[in-house]
Every structure is written in structure tokens, then in C-alpha cells.
All heavy atoms as atom14 arrays in JSON, in Angstrom:
{
  "sequence": "AARLYPDPAERIALLLAWAGFPAHAPPVPGGGTPWYELAPERLLT",
  "atom14_mask": [
    [1, 1, 1, 1, 1, 0, 0, 0, 0, 0, 0, 0, 0, 0],
    [1, 1, 1, 1, 1, 0, 0, 0, 0, 0, 0, 0, 0, 0],
    [1, 1, 1, 1, 1, 1, 1, 1, 1, 1, 1, 0, 0, 0],
    [1, 1, 1, 1, 1, 1, 1, 1, 0, 0, 0, 0, 0, 0],
    [1, 1, 1, 1, 1, 1, 1, 1, 1, 1, 1, 1, 0, 0],
    [1, 1, 1, 1, 1, 1, 1, 0, 0, 0, 0, 0, 0, 0],
    [1, 1, 1, 1, 1, 1, 1, 1, 0, 0, 0, 0, 0, 0],
    [1, 1, 1, 1, 1, 1, 1, 0, 0, 0, 0, 0, 0, 0],
    [1, 1, 1, 1, 1, 0, 0, 0, 0, 0, 0, 0, 0, 0],
    [1, 1, 1, 1, 1, 1, 1, 1, 1, 0, 0, 0, 0, 0],
    [1, 1, 1, 1, 1, 1, 1, 1, 1, 1, 1, 0, 0, 0],
    [1, 1, 1, 1, 1, 1, 1, 1, 0, 0, 0, 0, 0, 0],
    [1, 1, 1, 1, 1, 0, 0, 0, 0, 0, 0, 0, 0, 0],
    [1, 1, 1, 1, 1, 1, 1, 1, 0, 0, 0, 0, 0, 0],
    [1, 1, 1, 1, 1, 1, 1, 1, 0, 0, 0, 0, 0, 0],
    [1, 1, 1, 1, 1, 1, 1, 1, 0, 0, 0, 0, 0, 0],
    [1, 1, 1, 1, 1, 0, 0, 0, 0, 0, 0, 0, 0, 0],
    [1, 1, 1, 1, 1, 1, 1, 1, 1, 1, 1, 1, 1, 1],
    [1, 1, 1, 1, 1, 0, 0, 0, 0, 0, 0, 0, 0, 0],
    [1, 1, 1, 1, 0, 0, 0, 0, 0, 0, 0, 0, 0, 0],
    [1, 1, 1, 1, 1, 1, 1, 1, 1, 1, 1, 0, 0, 0],
    [1, 1, 1, 1, 1, 1, 1, 0, 0, 0, 0, 0, 0, 0],
    [1, 1, 1, 1, 1, 0, 0, 0, 0, 0, 0, 0, 0, 0],
    [1, 1, 1, 1, 1, 1, 1, 1, 1, 1, 0, 0, 0, 0],
    [1, 1, 1, 1, 1, 0, 0, 0, 0, 0, 0, 0, 0, 0],
    [1, 1, 1, 1, 1, 1, 1, 0, 0, 0, 0, 0, 0, 0],
    [1, 1, 1, 1, 1, 1, 1, 0, 0, 0, 0, 0, 0, 0],
    [1, 1, 1, 1, 1, 1, 1, 0, 0, 0, 0, 0, 0, 0],
    [1, 1, 1, 1, 1, 1, 1, 0, 0, 0, 0, 0, 0, 0],
    [1, 1, 1, 1, 0, 0, 0, 0, 0, 0, 0, 0, 0, 0],
    [1, 1, 1, 1, 0, 0, 0, 0, 0, 0, 0, 0, 0, 0],
    [1, 1, 1, 1, 0, 0, 0, 0, 0, 0, 0, 0, 0, 0],
    [1, 1, 1, 1, 1, 1, 1, 0, 0, 0, 0, 0, 0, 0],
    [1, 1, 1, 1, 1, 1, 1, 0, 0, 0, 0, 0, 0, 0],
    [1, 1, 1, 1, 1, 1, 1, 1, 1, 1, 1, 1, 1, 1],
    [1, 1, 1, 1, 1, 1, 1, 1, 1, 1, 1, 1, 0, 0],
    [1, 1, 1, 1, 1, 1, 1, 1, 1, 0, 0, 0, 0, 0],
    [1, 1, 1, 1, 1, 1, 1, 1, 0, 0, 0, 0, 0, 0],
    [1, 1, 1, 1, 1, 0, 0, 0, 0, 0, 0, 0, 0, 0],
    [1, 1, 1, 1, 1, 1, 1, 0, 0, 0, 0, 0, 0, 0],
    [1, 1, 1, 1, 1, 1, 1, 1, 1, 0, 0, 0, 0, 0],
    [1, 1, 1, 1, 1, 1, 1, 1, 1, 1, 1, 0, 0, 0],
    [1, 1, 1, 1, 1, 1, 1, 1, 0, 0, 0, 0, 0, 0],
    [1, 1, 1, 1, 1, 1, 1, 1, 0, 0, 0, 0, 0, 0],
    [1, 1, 1, 1, 1, 1, 1, 0, 0, 0, 0, 0, 0, 0]
  ],
  "atom14_positions": [
    [[-34.47, -38.92, -0.97], [-35.1, -37.6, -1.21], [-36.2, -37.75, -2.23], [-37.29, -37.13, -2.11], [-34.04, -36.57, -1.65], [0.0, 0.0, 0.0], [0.0, 0.0, 0.0], [0.0, 0.0, 0.0], [0.0, 0.0, 0.0], [0.0, 0.0, 0.0], [0.0, 0.0, 0.0], [0.0, 0.0, 0.0], [0.0, 0.0, 0.0], [0.0, 0.0, 0.0]],
    [[-35.96, -38.55, -3.28], [-36.94, -38.72, -4.33], [-38.16, -39.46, -3.8], [-39.34, -39.18, -4.19], [-36.34, -39.46, -5.51], [0.0, 0.0, 0.0], [0.0, 0.0, 0.0], [0.0, 0.0, 0.0], [0.0, 0.0, 0.0], [0.0, 0.0, 0.0], [0.0, 0.0, 0.0], [0.0, 0.0, 0.0], [0.0, 0.0, 0.0], [0.0, 0.0, 0.0]],
    [[-37.95, -40.43, -2.88], [-39.11, -41.18, -2.34], [-39.89, -40.31, -1.39], [-41.14, -40.34, -1.37], [-38.58, -42.4, -1.62], [-38.04, -43.45, -2.58], [-38.02, -44.85, -1.92], [-37.34, -44.86, -0.62], [-36.03, -45.06, -0.49], [-35.27, -45.22, -1.53], [-35.5, -45.03, 0.74], [0.0, 0.0, 0.0], [0.0, 0.0, 0.0], [0.0, 0.0, 0.0]],
    [[-39.25, -39.55, -0.5], [-39.92, -38.74, 0.53], [-40.58, -37.55, -0.08], [-41.62, -37.06, 0.42], [-38.95, -38.33, 1.59], [-38.39, -39.45, 2.5], [-37.43, -38.83, 3.52], [-39.49, -40.2, 3.22], [0.0, 0.0, 0.0], [0.0, 0.0, 0.0], [0.0, 0.0, 0.0], [0.0, 0.0, 0.0], [0.0, 0.0, 0.0], [0.0, 0.0, 0.0]],
    [[-39.97, -37.03, -1.15], [-40.51, -35.77, -1.77], [-40.63, -36.02, -3.29], [-39.87, -35.51, -4.1], [-39.56, -34.59, -1.48], [-39.33, -34.38, 0.01], [-38.13, -34.81, 0.6], [-40.29, -33.82, 0.81], [-37.9, -34.63, 1.93], [-40.1, -33.66, 2.17], [-38.89, -34.07, 2.73], [-38.7, -33.92, 4.08], [0.0, 0.0, 0.0], [0.0, 0.0, 0.0]],
    [[-41.67, -36.76, -3.68], [-41.84, -37.05, -5.08], [-42.2, -35.87, -5.92], [-41.97, -35.89, -7.17], [-43.02, -38.12, -5.1], [-43.71, -37.8, -3.82], [-42.66, -37.43, -2.83], [0.0, 0.0, 0.0], [0.0, 0.0, 0.0], [0.0, 0.0, 0.0], [0.0, 0.0, 0.0], [0.0, 0.0, 0.0], [0.0, 0.0, 0.0], [0.0, 0.0, 0.0]],
    [[-42.75, -34.84, -5.33], [-43.08, -33.64, -6.08], [-41.8, -32.87, -6.36], [-41.14, -32.38, -5.42], [-44.04, -32.76, -5.29], [-44.39, -31.48, -6.01], [-44.05, -31.34, -7.24], [-44.94, -30.54, -5.35], [0.0, 0.0, 0.0], [0.0, 0.0, 0.0], [0.0, 0.0, 0.0], [0.0, 0.0, 0.0], [0.0, 0.0, 0.0], [0.0, 0.0, 0.0]],
    [[-41.36, -32.73, -7.6], [-40.11, -32.05, -7.9], [-40.02, -30.66, -7.33], [-38.96, -30.23, -6.86], [-40.06, -32.06, -9.44], [-40.89, -33.19, -9.86], [-42.01, -33.27, -8.85], [0.0, 0.0, 0.0], [0.0, 0.0, 0.0], [0.0, 0.0, 0.0], [0.0, 0.0, 0.0], [0.0, 0.0, 0.0], [0.0, 0.0, 0.0], [0.0, 0.0, 0.0]],
    [[-41.12, -29.91, -7.41], [-41.06, -28.5, -6.95], [-40.79, -28.45, -5.44], [-40.0, -27.63, -4.99], [-42.4, -27.82, -7.24], [0.0, 0.0, 0.0], [0.0, 0.0, 0.0], [0.0, 0.0, 0.0], [0.0, 0.0, 0.0], [0.0, 0.0, 0.0], [0.0, 0.0, 0.0], [0.0, 0.0, 0.0], [0.0, 0.0, 0.0], [0.0, 0.0, 0.0]],
    [[-41.41, -29.37, -4.66], [-41.15, -29.37, -3.21], [-39.75, -29.79, -2.95], [-39.05, -29.23, -2.05], [-42.14, -30.36, -2.56], [-41.96, -30.41, -1.01], [-42.82, -31.44, -0.35], [-43.35, -32.35, -1.05], [-42.99, -31.38, 0.88], [0.0, 0.0, 0.0], [0.0, 0.0, 0.0], [0.0, 0.0, 0.0], [0.0, 0.0, 0.0], [0.0, 0.0, 0.0]],
    [[-39.27, -30.83, -3.66], [-37.91, -31.34, -3.44], [-36.89, -30.22, -3.75], [-35.93, -30.03, -3.02], [-37.63, -32.57, -4.3], [-36.43, -33.38, -3.79], [-36.13, -34.53, -4.76], [-37.35, -35.04, -5.42], [-37.33, -35.65, -6.58], [-36.15, -35.8, -7.25], [-38.46, -36.09, -7.15], [0.0, 0.0, 0.0], [0.0, 0.0, 0.0], [0.0, 0.0, 0.0]],
    [[-37.08, -29.5, -4.84], [-36.19, -28.47, -5.23], [-36.15, -27.36, -4.15], [-35.08, -26.88, -3.77], [-36.54, -27.86, -6.58], [-36.21, -28.83, -7.7], [-35.87, -26.49, -6.84], [-36.72, -28.45, -9.06], [0.0, 0.0, 0.0], [0.0, 0.0, 0.0], [0.0, 0.0, 0.0], [0.0, 0.0, 0.0], [0.0, 0.0, 0.0], [0.0, 0.0, 0.0]],
    [[-37.31, -26.99, -3.64], [-37.38, -25.95, -2.65], [-36.58, -26.35, -1.36], [-35.86, -25.52, -0.78], [-38.84, -25.63, -2.27], [0.0, 0.0, 0.0], [0.0, 0.0, 0.0], [0.0, 0.0, 0.0], [0.0, 0.0, 0.0], [0.0, 0.0, 0.0], [0.0, 0.0, 0.0], [0.0, 0.0, 0.0], [0.0, 0.0, 0.0], [0.0, 0.0, 0.0]],
    [[-36.75, -27.6, -0.94], [-36.08, -28.08, 0.24], [-34.55, -28.18, 0.03], [-33.78, -27.82, 0.91], [-36.62, -29.44, 0.67], [-38.04, -29.42, 1.23], [-38.59, -30.85, 1.33], [-38.09, -28.75, 2.61], [0.0, 0.0, 0.0], [0.0, 0.0, 0.0], [0.0, 0.0, 0.0], [0.0, 0.0, 0.0], [0.0, 0.0, 0.0], [0.0, 0.0, 0.0]],
    [[-34.17, -28.69, -1.12], [-32.76, -28.83, -1.45], [-32.06, -27.44, -1.64], [-30.91, -27.23, -1.19], [-32.54, -29.63, -2.72], [-32.85, -31.13, -2.61], [-32.72, -31.81, -3.96], [-31.94, -31.82, -1.57], [0.0, 0.0, 0.0], [0.0, 0.0, 0.0], [0.0, 0.0, 0.0], [0.0, 0.0, 0.0], [0.0, 0.0, 0.0], [0.0, 0.0, 0.0]],
    [[-32.81, -26.48, -2.17], [-32.25, -25.12, -2.28], [-32.03, -24.53, -0.92], [-30.99, -23.85, -0.68], [-33.25, -24.22, -3.08], [-33.1, -24.31, -4.6], [-34.26, -23.47, -5.22], [-31.76, -23.78, -5.08], [0.0, 0.0, 0.0], [0.0, 0.0, 0.0], [0.0, 0.0, 0.0], [0.0, 0.0, 0.0], [0.0, 0.0, 0.0], [0.0, 0.0, 0.0]],
    [[-32.96, -24.75, 0.02], [-32.8, -24.21, 1.37], [-31.55, -24.84, 2.01], [-30.75, -24.14, 2.68], [-34.02, -24.47, 2.18], [0.0, 0.0, 0.0], [0.0, 0.0, 0.0], [0.0, 0.0, 0.0], [0.0, 0.0, 0.0], [0.0, 0.0, 0.0], [0.0, 0.0, 0.0], [0.0, 0.0, 0.0], [0.0, 0.0, 0.0], [0.0, 0.0, 0.0]],
    [[-31.4, -26.15, 1.84], [-30.26, -26.87, 2.41], [-28.97, -26.44, 1.75], [-27.91, -26.27, 2.4], [-30.5, -28.36, 2.24], [-29.62, -29.24, 3.06], [-28.87, -28.89, 4.15], [-29.37, -30.63, 2.86], [-28.19, -29.95, 4.64], [-28.46, -31.06, 3.88], [-29.84, -31.56, 1.93], [-28.04, -32.37, 3.96], [-29.38, -32.86, 2.02], [-28.49, -33.28, 3.03]],
    [[-29.01, -26.22, 0.45], [-27.82, -25.78, -0.3], [-27.3, -24.43, 0.14], [-26.16, -24.09, -0.04], [-28.11, -25.77, -1.79], [0.0, 0.0, 0.0], [0.0, 0.0, 0.0], [0.0, 0.0, 0.0], [0.0, 0.0, 0.0], [0.0, 0.0, 0.0], [0.0, 0.0, 0.0], [0.0, 0.0, 0.0], [0.0, 0.0, 0.0], [0.0, 0.0, 0.0]],
    [[-28.19, -23.64, 0.76], [-27.79, -22.33, 1.28], [-27.05, -22.38, 2.6], [-26.62, -21.34, 3.11], [0.0, 0.0, 0.0], [0.0, 0.0, 0.0], [0.0, 0.0, 0.0], [0.0, 0.0, 0.0], [0.0, 0.0, 0.0], [0.0, 0.0, 0.0], [0.0, 0.0, 0.0], [0.0, 0.0, 0.0], [0.0, 0.0, 0.0], [0.0, 0.0, 0.0]],
    [[-26.9, -23.57, 3.19], [-26.24, -23.71, 4.46], [-24.84, -23.06, 4.53], [-24.53, -22.34, 5.47], [-26.19, -25.18, 4.89], [-25.38, -25.43, 6.12], [-25.96, -25.32, 7.4], [-24.03, -25.76, 6.06], [-25.2, -25.58, 8.53], [-23.26, -26.03, 7.2], [-23.87, -25.9, 8.43], [0.0, 0.0, 0.0], [0.0, 0.0, 0.0], [0.0, 0.0, 0.0]],
    [[-23.96, -23.31, 3.56], [-22.59, -22.78, 3.63], [-22.52, -21.28, 3.78], [-21.6, -20.77, 4.44], [-21.93, -23.23, 2.33], [-22.67, -24.45, 1.95], [-24.1, -24.19, 2.35], [0.0, 0.0, 0.0], [0.0, 0.0, 0.0], [0.0, 0.0, 0.0], [0.0, 0.0, 0.0], [0.0, 0.0, 0.0], [0.0, 0.0, 0.0], [0.0, 0.0, 0.0]],
    [[-23.47, -20.57, 3.21], [-23.42, -19.1, 3.27], [-23.64, -18.59, 4.67], [-23.22, -17.48, 5.01], [-24.52, -18.52, 2.37], [0.0, 0.0, 0.0], [0.0, 0.0, 0.0], [0.0, 0.0, 0.0], [0.0, 0.0, 0.0], [0.0, 0.0, 0.0], [0.0, 0.0, 0.0], [0.0, 0.0, 0.0], [0.0, 0.0, 0.0], [0.0, 0.0, 0.0]],
    [[-24.23, -19.35, 5.54], [-24.55, -18.91, 6.93], [-23.82, -19.73, 7.98], [-23.99, -19.51, 9.17], [-26.05, -19.03, 7.18], [-26.88, -18.33, 6.13], [-26.97, -16.98, 5.99], [-27.63, -18.87, 5.1], [-27.73, -16.64, 4.97], [-28.16, -17.8, 4.42], [0.0, 0.0, 0.0], [0.0, 0.0, 0.0], [0.0, 0.0, 0.0], [0.0, 0.0, 0.0]],
    [[-22.97, -20.69, 7.54], [-22.31, -21.57, 8.48], [-21.04, -20.94, 9.04], [-20.47, -20.02, 8.44], [-21.94, -22.85, 7.79], [0.0, 0.0, 0.0], [0.0, 0.0, 0.0], [0.0, 0.0, 0.0], [0.0, 0.0, 0.0], [0.0, 0.0, 0.0], [0.0, 0.0, 0.0], [0.0, 0.0, 0.0], [0.0, 0.0, 0.0], [0.0, 0.0, 0.0]],
    [[-20.67, -21.39, 10.24], [-19.36, -20.91, 10.78], [-18.21, -21.34, 9.88], [-18.27, -22.44, 9.26], [-19.29, -21.62, 12.15], [-20.17, -22.8, 12.01], [-21.28, -22.39, 11.11], [0.0, 0.0, 0.0], [0.0, 0.0, 0.0], [0.0, 0.0, 0.0], [0.0, 0.0, 0.0], [0.0, 0.0, 0.0], [0.0, 0.0, 0.0], [0.0, 0.0, 0.0]],
    [[-17.21, -20.5, 9.73], [-16.11, -20.82, 8.75], [-15.35, -22.09, 9.21], [-15.27, -22.37, 10.44], [-15.23, -19.6, 8.83], [-15.54, -18.99, 10.17], [-16.96, -19.24, 10.45], [0.0, 0.0, 0.0], [0.0, 0.0, 0.0], [0.0, 0.0, 0.0], [0.0, 0.0, 0.0], [0.0, 0.0, 0.0], [0.0, 0.0, 0.0], [0.0, 0.0, 0.0]],
    [[-14.76, -22.74, 8.3], [-13.91, -23.89, 8.6], [-12.47, -23.43, 8.45], [-12.17, -22.47, 7.7], [-14.15, -25.1, 7.66], [-15.5, -25.68, 7.9], [-14.02, -24.67, 6.17], [0.0, 0.0, 0.0], [0.0, 0.0, 0.0], [0.0, 0.0, 0.0], [0.0, 0.0, 0.0], [0.0, 0.0, 0.0], [0.0, 0.0, 0.0], [0.0, 0.0, 0.0]],
    [[-11.52, -24.09, 9.22], [-10.14, -23.68, 9.11], [-9.65, -23.74, 7.63], [-9.84, -24.74, 6.94], [-9.42, -24.74, 10.0], [-10.46, -25.15, 10.94], [-11.77, -25.15, 10.18], [0.0, 0.0, 0.0], [0.0, 0.0, 0.0], [0.0, 0.0, 0.0], [0.0, 0.0, 0.0], [0.0, 0.0, 0.0], [0.0, 0.0, 0.0], [0.0, 0.0, 0.0]],
    [[-8.99, -22.68, 7.19], [-8.49, -22.68, 5.81], [-9.49, -22.19, 4.83], [-9.18, -22.0, 3.65], [0.0, 0.0, 0.0], [0.0, 0.0, 0.0], [0.0, 0.0, 0.0], [0.0, 0.0, 0.0], [0.0, 0.0, 0.0], [0.0, 0.0, 0.0], [0.0, 0.0, 0.0], [0.0, 0.0, 0.0], [0.0, 0.0, 0.0], [0.0, 0.0, 0.0]],
    [[-10.74, -22.01, 5.27], [-11.79, -21.5, 4.35], [-12.31, -22.57, 3.45], [-11.98, -23.78, 3.58], [0.0, 0.0, 0.0], [0.0, 0.0, 0.0], [0.0, 0.0, 0.0], [0.0, 0.0, 0.0], [0.0, 0.0, 0.0], [0.0, 0.0, 0.0], [0.0, 0.0, 0.0], [0.0, 0.0, 0.0], [0.0, 0.0, 0.0], [0.0, 0.0, 0.0]],
    [[-13.12, -22.15, 2.5], [-13.67, -23.08, 1.53], [-14.92, -23.8, 2.08], [-15.41, -23.56, 3.19], [0.0, 0.0, 0.0], [0.0, 0.0, 0.0], [0.0, 0.0, 0.0], [0.0, 0.0, 0.0], [0.0, 0.0, 0.0], [0.0, 0.0, 0.0], [0.0, 0.0, 0.0], [0.0, 0.0, 0.0], [0.0, 0.0, 0.0], [0.0, 0.0, 0.0]],
    [[-15.44, -24.69, 1.26], [-16.63, -25.49, 1.58], [-16.3, -26.92, 1.54], [-15.81, -27.45, 0.52], [-17.75, -25.16, 0.57], [-18.07, -23.78, 0.58], [-19.02, -25.95, 0.94], [0.0, 0.0, 0.0], [0.0, 0.0, 0.0], [0.0, 0.0, 0.0], [0.0, 0.0, 0.0], [0.0, 0.0, 0.0], [0.0, 0.0, 0.0], [0.0, 0.0, 0.0]],
    [[-16.62, -27.68, 2.59], [-16.37, -29.14, 2.57], [-17.13, -29.77, 1.43], [-18.26, -29.37, 1.08], [-16.93, -29.58, 3.93], [-16.83, -28.38, 4.82], [-17.13, -27.22, 3.92], [0.0, 0.0, 0.0], [0.0, 0.0, 0.0], [0.0, 0.0, 0.0], [0.0, 0.0, 0.0], [0.0, 0.0, 0.0], [0.0, 0.0, 0.0], [0.0, 0.0, 0.0]],
    [[-16.56, -30.81, 0.84], [-17.17, -31.45, -0.34], [-18.56, -31.97, -0.06], [-19.42, -31.84, -0.91], [-16.24, -32.61, -0.76], [-16.79, -33.47, -1.85], [-17.27, -34.75, -1.75], [-16.93, -33.14, -3.25], [-17.69, -35.22, -2.97], [-17.47, -34.26, -3.92], [-16.6, -32.0, -3.98], [-17.72, -34.27, -5.25], [-16.85, -32.01, -5.36], [-17.41, -33.12, -5.95]],
    [[-18.76, -32.58, 1.11], [-20.09, -33.13, 1.38], [-21.17, -32.04, 1.39], [-22.34, -32.36, 1.1], [-20.09, -33.88, 2.73], [-19.81, -33.03, 3.91], [-20.82, -32.31, 4.55], [-18.54, -32.98, 4.51], [-20.55, -31.54, 5.67], [-18.27, -32.23, 5.6], [-19.3, -31.5, 6.21], [-19.04, -30.74, 7.31], [0.0, 0.0, 0.0], [0.0, 0.0, 0.0]],
    [[-20.86, -30.79, 1.74], [-21.85, -29.77, 1.79], [-22.39, -29.37, 0.43], [-23.43, -28.68, 0.34], [-21.29, -28.51, 2.5], [-21.13, -28.68, 3.99], [-20.71, -27.4, 4.69], [-20.71, -26.34, 4.04], [-20.33, -27.48, 5.88], [0.0, 0.0, 0.0], [0.0, 0.0, 0.0], [0.0, 0.0, 0.0], [0.0, 0.0, 0.0], [0.0, 0.0, 0.0]],
    [[-21.73, -29.84, -0.61], [-22.19, -29.51, -1.98], [-23.16, -30.59, -2.47], [-23.61, -30.53, -3.61], [-21.0, -29.41, -2.93], [-20.01, -28.29, -2.6], [-18.81, -28.32, -3.57], [-20.68, -26.95, -2.64], [0.0, 0.0, 0.0], [0.0, 0.0, 0.0], [0.0, 0.0, 0.0], [0.0, 0.0, 0.0], [0.0, 0.0, 0.0], [0.0, 0.0, 0.0]],
    [[-23.45, -31.59, -1.65], [-24.37, -32.65, -2.04], [-25.72, -32.13, -2.48], [-26.25, -32.56, -3.5], [-24.52, -33.64, -0.95], [0.0, 0.0, 0.0], [0.0, 0.0, 0.0], [0.0, 0.0, 0.0], [0.0, 0.0, 0.0], [0.0, 0.0, 0.0], [0.0, 0.0, 0.0], [0.0, 0.0, 0.0], [0.0, 0.0, 0.0], [0.0, 0.0, 0.0]],
    [[-26.35, -31.18, -1.79], [-27.65, -30.67, -2.25], [-27.58, -30.03, -3.65], [-28.48, -30.28, -4.48], [-28.03, -29.61, -1.21], [-27.3, -30.01, 0.04], [-26.01, -30.6, -0.45], [0.0, 0.0, 0.0], [0.0, 0.0, 0.0], [0.0, 0.0, 0.0], [0.0, 0.0, 0.0], [0.0, 0.0, 0.0], [0.0, 0.0, 0.0], [0.0, 0.0, 0.0]],
    [[-26.48, -29.32, -3.92], [-26.36, -28.76, -5.29], [-26.17, -29.84, -6.3], [-26.67, -29.73, -7.44], [-25.16, -27.81, -5.31], [-25.39, -26.52, -4.52], [-24.54, -25.36, -5.02], [-24.01, -25.48, -6.16], [-24.44, -24.37, -4.32], [0.0, 0.0, 0.0], [0.0, 0.0, 0.0], [0.0, 0.0, 0.0], [0.0, 0.0, 0.0], [0.0, 0.0, 0.0]],
    [[-25.44, -30.89, -5.97], [-25.27, -31.99, -6.93], [-26.61, -32.68, -7.19], [-26.89, -33.09, -8.34], [-24.21, -33.0, -6.46], [-22.76, -32.39, -6.49], [-21.72, -33.46, -6.25], [-21.71, -33.9, -4.88], [-21.0, -33.35, -3.9], [-20.22, -32.26, -4.22], [-20.99, -33.8, -2.67], [0.0, 0.0, 0.0], [0.0, 0.0, 0.0], [0.0, 0.0, 0.0]],
    [[-27.44, -32.82, -6.15], [-28.75, -33.42, -6.32], [-29.63, -32.57, -7.23], [-30.37, -33.05, -8.08], [-29.47, -33.68, -4.98], [-28.73, -34.61, -4.01], [-29.6, -34.88, -2.79], [-28.39, -35.93, -4.7], [0.0, 0.0, 0.0], [0.0, 0.0, 0.0], [0.0, 0.0, 0.0], [0.0, 0.0, 0.0], [0.0, 0.0, 0.0], [0.0, 0.0, 0.0]],
    [[-29.53, -31.27, -7.01], [-30.27, -30.33, -7.87], [-29.86, -30.44, -9.36], [-30.69, -30.4, -10.27], [-30.13, -28.91, -7.33], [-30.87, -28.58, -6.06], [-30.36, -27.28, -5.45], [-32.39, -28.5, -6.28], [0.0, 0.0, 0.0], [0.0, 0.0, 0.0], [0.0, 0.0, 0.0], [0.0, 0.0, 0.0], [0.0, 0.0, 0.0], [0.0, 0.0, 0.0]],
    [[-28.57, -30.52, -9.54], [-28.02, -30.66, -10.86], [-28.51, -31.93, -11.57], [-28.9, -31.9, -12.73], [-26.48, -30.63, -10.86], [-26.05, -29.41, -10.31], [-25.92, -30.79, -12.24], [0.0, 0.0, 0.0], [0.0, 0.0, 0.0], [0.0, 0.0, 0.0], [0.0, 0.0, 0.0], [0.0, 0.0, 0.0], [0.0, 0.0, 0.0], [0.0, 0.0, 0.0]]
  ]
}
């Protein structure tokens, strides 16, 4: 991500959009958010 999007502002915008996936995704059995889906938020952090 850092190589493809060296501009921090652009990278943040793309990661924020991706981080919003769980809010619009079909529910998983038992609810919650799979660990891997939090990867964009961890990159932002």
C-alpha cells in the first residue's frame, strides 16, 4: 500500500473507504467482524 500510494492523503482516503466495508457487508453467523477485516484500520493506526 505504501509503495502503490506514496501520498499519505490518498492512501488514507482509500484505506478509510475499505475500512467502511463491515458496515455494509452481509452479516456473518454469530455477528461481529472477522479479524482480517480490521486490517485497513490497523494500517491507518
